[in-house]
């Protein structure tokens, strides 16, 4: 296998929201993810969202020229798993801040991974 030096192909943020709001509202979630992509400076290609029956959650993805933002919600637990992967000089922090303002979690955790990094 060819060994490469440390290279960044983008930042992948795994964001966990706890005790968040609007977790069954596909309209609000879609608007929030689209706005987060725009706030980050990304270019939206398309999106797709699905609300599960009996208000049991939403899954959605916004495809970006720079990669994607996705969300999966568990409303009974107040939990949302958000995945933000962007290459280039996008502002992931701005996207996370907008999503936190929209979904109002009581707490959140962000884990970041630099993609393509060899240590």
N, C-alpha and C. Protein backbone atom coordinates (compact mmCIF):
# COMPACT_ATOMS: atom_id res chain seq x y z
N UNK A 1 0.85 -1.17 0.00
CA UNK A 1 0.00 0.00 0.00
C UNK A 1 0.90 1.24 0.00
N UNK A 2 0.57 2.18 -0.83
CA UNK A 2 1.31 3.44 -0.88
C UNK A 2 1.03 4.26 0.37
N UNK A 3 2.07 4.72 1.01
CA UNK A 3 1.90 5.55 2.19
C UNK A 3 1.91 7.01 1.78
N UNK A 4 0.97 7.77 2.32
CA UNK A 4 0.90 9.19 2.01
C UNK A 4 1.18 9.99 3.26
N UNK A 5 1.57 11.22 3.06
CA UNK A 5 1.78 12.09 4.21
C UNK A 5 0.43 12.59 4.71
N UNK A 6 0.48 13.29 5.83
CA UNK A 6 -0.77 13.82 6.40
C UNK A 6 -1.45 14.71 5.38
N UNK A 7 -2.67 14.38 5.06
CA UNK A 7 -3.46 15.11 4.07
C UNK A 7 -4.87 15.28 4.60
N UNK A 8 -5.43 16.45 4.42
CA UNK A 8 -6.82 16.66 4.81
C UNK A 8 -7.68 16.73 3.56
N UNK A 9 -8.68 15.87 3.52
CA UNK A 9 -9.65 15.91 2.44
C UNK A 9 -10.93 16.59 2.89
N UNK A 10 -11.00 16.91 4.14
CA UNK A 10 -12.17 17.58 4.68
C UNK A 10 -12.33 17.28 6.15
N UNK A 11 -13.26 17.99 6.76
CA UNK A 11 -13.56 17.78 8.17
C UNK A 11 -14.92 17.10 8.28
N UNK A 12 -14.97 16.09 9.12
CA UNK A 12 -16.21 15.35 9.36
C UNK A 12 -16.59 15.60 10.82
N UNK A 13 -17.69 16.28 11.04
CA UNK A 13 -18.17 16.55 12.40
C UNK A 13 -19.35 15.64 12.71
N UNK A 14 -19.24 14.94 13.83
CA UNK A 14 -20.33 14.11 14.33
C UNK A 14 -20.92 14.87 15.50
N UNK A 15 -22.17 15.27 15.36
CA UNK A 15 -22.81 16.15 16.33
C UNK A 15 -23.98 15.42 16.96
N UNK A 16 -23.97 15.30 18.28
CA UNK A 16 -25.05 14.68 19.04
C UNK A 16 -25.79 15.77 19.80
N UNK A 17 -27.10 15.90 19.54
CA UNK A 17 -27.96 16.83 20.28
C UNK A 17 -28.80 16.04 21.26
N UNK A 18 -28.83 16.51 22.51
CA UNK A 18 -29.61 15.86 23.56
C UNK A 18 -30.73 16.79 24.00
N UNK A 19 -31.91 16.22 24.24
CA UNK A 19 -33.09 16.98 24.66
C UNK A 19 -33.37 18.13 23.69
N UNK A 20 -33.36 17.81 22.42
CA UNK A 20 -33.60 18.80 21.37
C UNK A 20 -35.10 18.90 21.05
N UNK A 21 -35.46 19.94 20.33
CA UNK A 21 -36.85 20.19 19.93
C UNK A 21 -37.03 19.94 18.43
N UNK A 22 -38.27 19.87 18.00
CA UNK A 22 -38.66 19.77 16.58
C UNK A 22 -38.21 18.47 15.91
N UNK A 23 -38.05 17.41 16.68
CA UNK A 23 -37.47 16.19 16.13
C UNK A 23 -38.42 15.35 15.29
N UNK A 24 -39.70 15.74 15.23
CA UNK A 24 -40.65 15.06 14.34
C UNK A 24 -41.14 15.99 13.23
N UNK A 25 -40.65 17.21 13.22
CA UNK A 25 -41.12 18.23 12.28
C UNK A 25 -40.21 18.29 11.06
N UNK A 26 -40.56 17.53 10.04
CA UNK A 26 -39.71 17.43 8.85
C UNK A 26 -39.52 18.79 8.17
N UNK A 27 -40.51 19.65 8.23
CA UNK A 27 -40.40 20.97 7.60
C UNK A 27 -39.35 21.82 8.31
N UNK A 28 -39.39 21.83 9.63
CA UNK A 28 -38.42 22.60 10.41
C UNK A 28 -37.01 22.03 10.25
N UNK A 29 -36.89 20.70 10.29
CA UNK A 29 -35.58 20.07 10.15
C UNK A 29 -34.98 20.34 8.78
N UNK A 30 -35.79 20.23 7.75
CA UNK A 30 -35.29 20.50 6.39
C UNK A 30 -34.82 21.94 6.27
N UNK A 31 -35.63 22.87 6.75
CA UNK A 31 -35.26 24.29 6.68
C UNK A 31 -33.97 24.55 7.46
N UNK A 32 -33.82 23.91 8.62
CA UNK A 32 -32.62 24.11 9.44
C UNK A 32 -31.37 23.58 8.75
N UNK A 33 -31.45 22.38 8.16
CA UNK A 33 -30.27 21.83 7.51
C UNK A 33 -29.90 22.62 6.25
N UNK A 34 -30.90 23.06 5.49
CA UNK A 34 -30.61 23.88 4.32
C UNK A 34 -29.98 25.21 4.72
N UNK A 35 -30.51 25.82 5.77
CA UNK A 35 -29.95 27.09 6.25
C UNK A 35 -28.54 26.89 6.80
N UNK A 36 -28.31 25.76 7.47
CA UNK A 36 -26.97 25.47 8.01
C UNK A 36 -25.96 25.33 6.88
N UNK A 37 -26.35 24.67 5.81
CA UNK A 37 -25.46 24.52 4.65
C UNK A 37 -25.11 25.88 4.06
N UNK A 38 -26.12 26.71 3.91
CA UNK A 38 -25.88 28.06 3.38
C UNK A 38 -25.01 28.88 4.32
N UNK A 39 -25.27 28.81 5.61
CA UNK A 39 -24.48 29.56 6.60
C UNK A 39 -23.02 29.12 6.57
N UNK A 40 -22.79 27.84 6.30
CA UNK A 40 -21.42 27.32 6.25
C UNK A 40 -20.69 27.78 4.98
N UNK A 41 -21.45 28.28 4.01
CA UNK A 41 -20.84 28.69 2.75
C UNK A 41 -20.82 27.59 1.71
N UNK A 42 -21.59 26.52 1.94
CA UNK A 42 -21.62 25.38 1.04
C UNK A 42 -22.61 25.61 -0.11
N UNK A 43 -22.50 24.76 -1.11
CA UNK A 43 -23.36 24.82 -2.30
C UNK A 43 -24.28 23.60 -2.31
N UNK A 44 -25.58 23.84 -2.19
CA UNK A 44 -26.57 22.77 -2.09
C UNK A 44 -26.84 22.19 -3.47
N UNK A 45 -26.79 20.85 -3.56
CA UNK A 45 -27.12 20.16 -4.80
C UNK A 45 -28.56 19.66 -4.78
N UNK A 46 -28.93 18.97 -3.70
CA UNK A 46 -30.29 18.46 -3.55
C UNK A 46 -30.49 18.05 -2.09
N UNK A 47 -31.71 17.69 -1.75
CA UNK A 47 -31.99 17.20 -0.40
C UNK A 47 -33.12 16.18 -0.45
N UNK A 48 -33.18 15.37 0.58
CA UNK A 48 -34.27 14.40 0.72
C UNK A 48 -34.49 14.14 2.20
N UNK A 49 -35.75 14.20 2.62
CA UNK A 49 -36.12 13.98 4.02
C UNK A 49 -37.29 13.02 4.07
N UNK A 50 -37.33 12.23 5.13
CA UNK A 50 -38.41 11.27 5.32
C UNK A 50 -38.85 11.30 6.78
N UNK A 51 -40.14 11.51 7.00
CA UNK A 51 -40.72 11.43 8.35
C UNK A 51 -41.29 10.03 8.52
N UNK A 52 -40.89 9.35 9.58
CA UNK A 52 -41.39 8.01 9.83
C UNK A 52 -42.79 8.06 10.42
N UNK A 53 -43.58 7.01 10.20
CA UNK A 53 -44.96 6.98 10.70
C UNK A 53 -45.01 7.12 12.23
N UNK A 54 -46.15 7.57 12.69
CA UNK A 54 -46.41 7.71 14.13
C UNK A 54 -45.42 8.63 14.82
N UNK A 55 -44.90 9.61 14.08
CA UNK A 55 -43.99 10.62 14.63
C UNK A 55 -42.80 9.98 15.35
N UNK A 56 -42.29 8.90 14.75
CA UNK A 56 -41.20 8.17 15.39
C UNK A 56 -39.82 8.66 14.95
N UNK A 57 -39.77 9.74 14.19
CA UNK A 57 -38.48 10.32 13.83
C UNK A 57 -38.41 10.76 12.40
N UNK A 58 -37.29 11.38 12.09
CA UNK A 58 -37.04 11.90 10.75
C UNK A 58 -35.61 11.53 10.38
N UNK A 59 -35.42 11.22 9.12
CA UNK A 59 -34.07 11.08 8.57
C UNK A 59 -33.99 11.98 7.35
N UNK A 60 -32.87 12.63 7.20
CA UNK A 60 -32.74 13.54 6.07
C UNK A 60 -31.30 13.80 5.71
N UNK A 61 -31.11 14.18 4.46
CA UNK A 61 -29.77 14.49 3.98
C UNK A 61 -29.82 15.66 3.01
N UNK A 62 -28.82 16.52 3.11
CA UNK A 62 -28.62 17.60 2.16
C UNK A 62 -27.30 17.29 1.47
N UNK A 63 -27.36 17.03 0.17
CA UNK A 63 -26.15 16.77 -0.59
C UNK A 63 -25.54 18.09 -1.03
N UNK A 64 -24.26 18.21 -0.82
CA UNK A 64 -23.55 19.44 -1.10
C UNK A 64 -22.46 19.20 -2.14
N UNK A 65 -22.10 20.25 -2.84
CA UNK A 65 -20.94 20.18 -3.71
C UNK A 65 -19.72 19.79 -2.87
N UNK A 66 -19.71 20.22 -1.62
CA UNK A 66 -18.61 19.98 -0.69
C UNK A 66 -18.77 18.70 0.11
N UNK A 67 -19.86 17.99 0.02
CA UNK A 67 -20.15 16.69 0.61
C UNK A 67 -21.59 16.62 1.12
N UNK A 68 -21.84 16.65 2.46
CA UNK A 68 -23.22 16.46 2.93
C UNK A 68 -23.42 16.92 4.37
N UNK A 69 -24.71 17.09 4.70
CA UNK A 69 -25.18 17.23 6.08
C UNK A 69 -26.36 16.27 6.21
N UNK A 70 -26.36 15.46 7.25
CA UNK A 70 -27.49 14.54 7.45
C UNK A 70 -27.95 14.60 8.90
N UNK A 71 -29.19 14.13 9.11
CA UNK A 71 -29.76 14.08 10.46
C UNK A 71 -30.63 12.84 10.59
N UNK A 72 -30.59 12.27 11.78
CA UNK A 72 -31.47 11.16 12.16
C UNK A 72 -31.97 11.49 13.56
N UNK A 73 -33.28 11.42 13.78
CA UNK A 73 -33.83 11.82 15.07
C UNK A 73 -34.54 10.67 15.77
N UNK A 74 -34.46 10.72 17.09
CA UNK A 74 -35.15 9.79 17.98
C UNK A 74 -35.96 10.65 18.95
N UNK A 75 -37.16 11.08 18.56
CA UNK A 75 -37.93 12.02 19.38
C UNK A 75 -38.28 11.51 20.77
N UNK A 76 -38.52 10.23 20.94
CA UNK A 76 -38.85 9.71 22.26
C UNK A 76 -37.70 9.91 23.25
N UNK A 77 -36.50 9.99 22.72
CA UNK A 77 -35.31 10.19 23.57
C UNK A 77 -34.78 11.62 23.50
N UNK A 78 -35.40 12.46 22.66
CA UNK A 78 -34.94 13.83 22.50
C UNK A 78 -33.58 13.93 21.83
N UNK A 79 -33.21 12.90 21.07
CA UNK A 79 -31.86 12.81 20.51
C UNK A 79 -31.85 13.02 18.99
N UNK A 80 -30.83 13.74 18.53
CA UNK A 80 -30.59 13.90 17.10
C UNK A 80 -29.12 13.64 16.83
N UNK A 81 -28.86 12.79 15.83
CA UNK A 81 -27.50 12.53 15.36
C UNK A 81 -27.33 13.29 14.05
N UNK A 82 -26.39 14.20 14.04
CA UNK A 82 -26.15 15.05 12.87
C UNK A 82 -24.74 14.78 12.37
N UNK A 83 -24.62 14.65 11.07
CA UNK A 83 -23.36 14.35 10.42
C UNK A 83 -23.07 15.48 9.43
N UNK A 84 -21.93 16.14 9.60
CA UNK A 84 -21.56 17.23 8.70
C UNK A 84 -20.17 16.91 8.15
N UNK A 85 -20.09 16.69 6.85
CA UNK A 85 -18.80 16.43 6.22
C UNK A 85 -18.64 17.45 5.10
N UNK A 86 -17.58 18.25 5.20
CA UNK A 86 -17.33 19.28 4.20
C UNK A 86 -15.85 19.38 3.89
N UNK A 87 -15.55 19.56 2.62
CA UNK A 87 -14.19 19.84 2.21
C UNK A 87 -14.09 21.32 1.88
N UNK A 88 -12.89 21.79 1.79
CA UNK A 88 -12.70 23.20 1.47
C UNK A 88 -12.79 24.07 2.70
N UNK A 89 -12.96 25.33 2.48
CA UNK A 89 -12.94 26.33 3.57
C UNK A 89 -14.35 26.65 4.06
N UNK A 90 -15.14 25.63 4.32
CA UNK A 90 -16.49 25.83 4.82
C UNK A 90 -16.46 26.04 6.33
N UNK A 91 -17.47 26.73 6.86
CA UNK A 91 -17.54 26.98 8.29
C UNK A 91 -18.49 26.00 8.97
N UNK A 92 -17.95 24.87 9.38
CA UNK A 92 -18.76 23.87 10.07
C UNK A 92 -19.30 24.44 11.37
N UNK A 93 -18.50 25.24 12.07
CA UNK A 93 -18.97 25.82 13.33
C UNK A 93 -20.21 26.68 13.13
N UNK A 94 -20.26 27.44 12.04
CA UNK A 94 -21.44 28.26 11.75
C UNK A 94 -22.66 27.38 11.52
N UNK A 95 -22.46 26.24 10.84
CA UNK A 95 -23.58 25.31 10.60
C UNK A 95 -24.07 24.73 11.92
N UNK A 96 -23.15 24.33 12.79
CA UNK A 96 -23.53 23.75 14.09
C UNK A 96 -24.26 24.79 14.93
N UNK A 97 -23.77 26.02 14.95
CA UNK A 97 -24.43 27.07 15.73
C UNK A 97 -25.86 27.30 15.25
N UNK A 98 -26.05 27.33 13.94
CA UNK A 98 -27.40 27.54 13.40
C UNK A 98 -28.32 26.38 13.78
N UNK A 99 -27.82 25.16 13.67
CA UNK A 99 -28.63 23.99 14.03
C UNK A 99 -28.98 24.00 15.51
N UNK A 100 -28.03 24.39 16.35
CA UNK A 100 -28.31 24.48 17.79
C UNK A 100 -29.37 25.54 18.08
N UNK A 101 -29.30 26.67 17.38
CA UNK A 101 -30.33 27.71 17.57
C UNK A 101 -31.70 27.20 17.14
N UNK A 102 -31.75 26.43 16.06
CA UNK A 102 -33.03 25.95 15.53
C UNK A 102 -33.63 24.81 16.35
N UNK A 103 -32.78 23.90 16.84
CA UNK A 103 -33.30 22.70 17.52
C UNK A 103 -33.19 22.78 19.04
N UNK A 104 -32.52 23.78 19.53
CA UNK A 104 -32.45 24.09 20.96
C UNK A 104 -32.14 22.89 21.86
N UNK A 105 -31.04 22.18 21.60
CA UNK A 105 -30.69 21.09 22.49
C UNK A 105 -30.28 21.62 23.86
N UNK A 106 -30.54 20.83 24.89
CA UNK A 106 -30.10 21.19 26.23
C UNK A 106 -28.60 20.97 26.37
N UNK A 107 -28.07 20.06 25.56
CA UNK A 107 -26.65 19.76 25.58
C UNK A 107 -26.27 19.19 24.21
N UNK A 108 -25.02 19.36 23.83
CA UNK A 108 -24.55 18.73 22.60
C UNK A 108 -23.07 18.43 22.68
N UNK A 109 -22.68 17.44 21.89
CA UNK A 109 -21.30 17.00 21.81
C UNK A 109 -20.90 17.01 20.34
N UNK A 110 -19.70 17.52 20.07
CA UNK A 110 -19.18 17.54 18.70
C UNK A 110 -17.85 16.80 18.68
N UNK A 111 -17.76 15.83 17.80
CA UNK A 111 -16.50 15.12 17.56
C UNK A 111 -16.08 15.43 16.12
N UNK A 112 -14.83 15.78 15.94
CA UNK A 112 -14.32 16.13 14.61
C UNK A 112 -13.25 15.14 14.18
N UNK A 113 -13.32 14.78 12.92
CA UNK A 113 -12.34 13.90 12.32
C UNK A 113 -11.83 14.57 11.05
N UNK A 114 -10.52 14.63 10.91
CA UNK A 114 -9.94 15.13 9.66
C UNK A 114 -9.83 13.93 8.72
N UNK A 115 -10.55 13.96 7.61
CA UNK A 115 -10.57 12.83 6.69
C UNK A 115 -9.28 12.80 5.88
N UNK A 116 -8.75 11.60 5.68
CA UNK A 116 -7.55 11.41 4.89
C UNK A 116 -6.27 11.68 5.66
N UNK A 117 -6.37 11.71 6.97
CA UNK A 117 -5.20 12.01 7.79
C UNK A 117 -4.55 10.72 8.26
N UNK A 118 -3.27 10.62 8.04
CA UNK A 118 -2.52 9.48 8.53
C UNK A 118 -1.58 9.97 9.60
N UNK A 119 -1.63 9.33 10.76
CA UNK A 119 -0.75 9.75 11.85
C UNK A 119 0.25 8.67 12.19
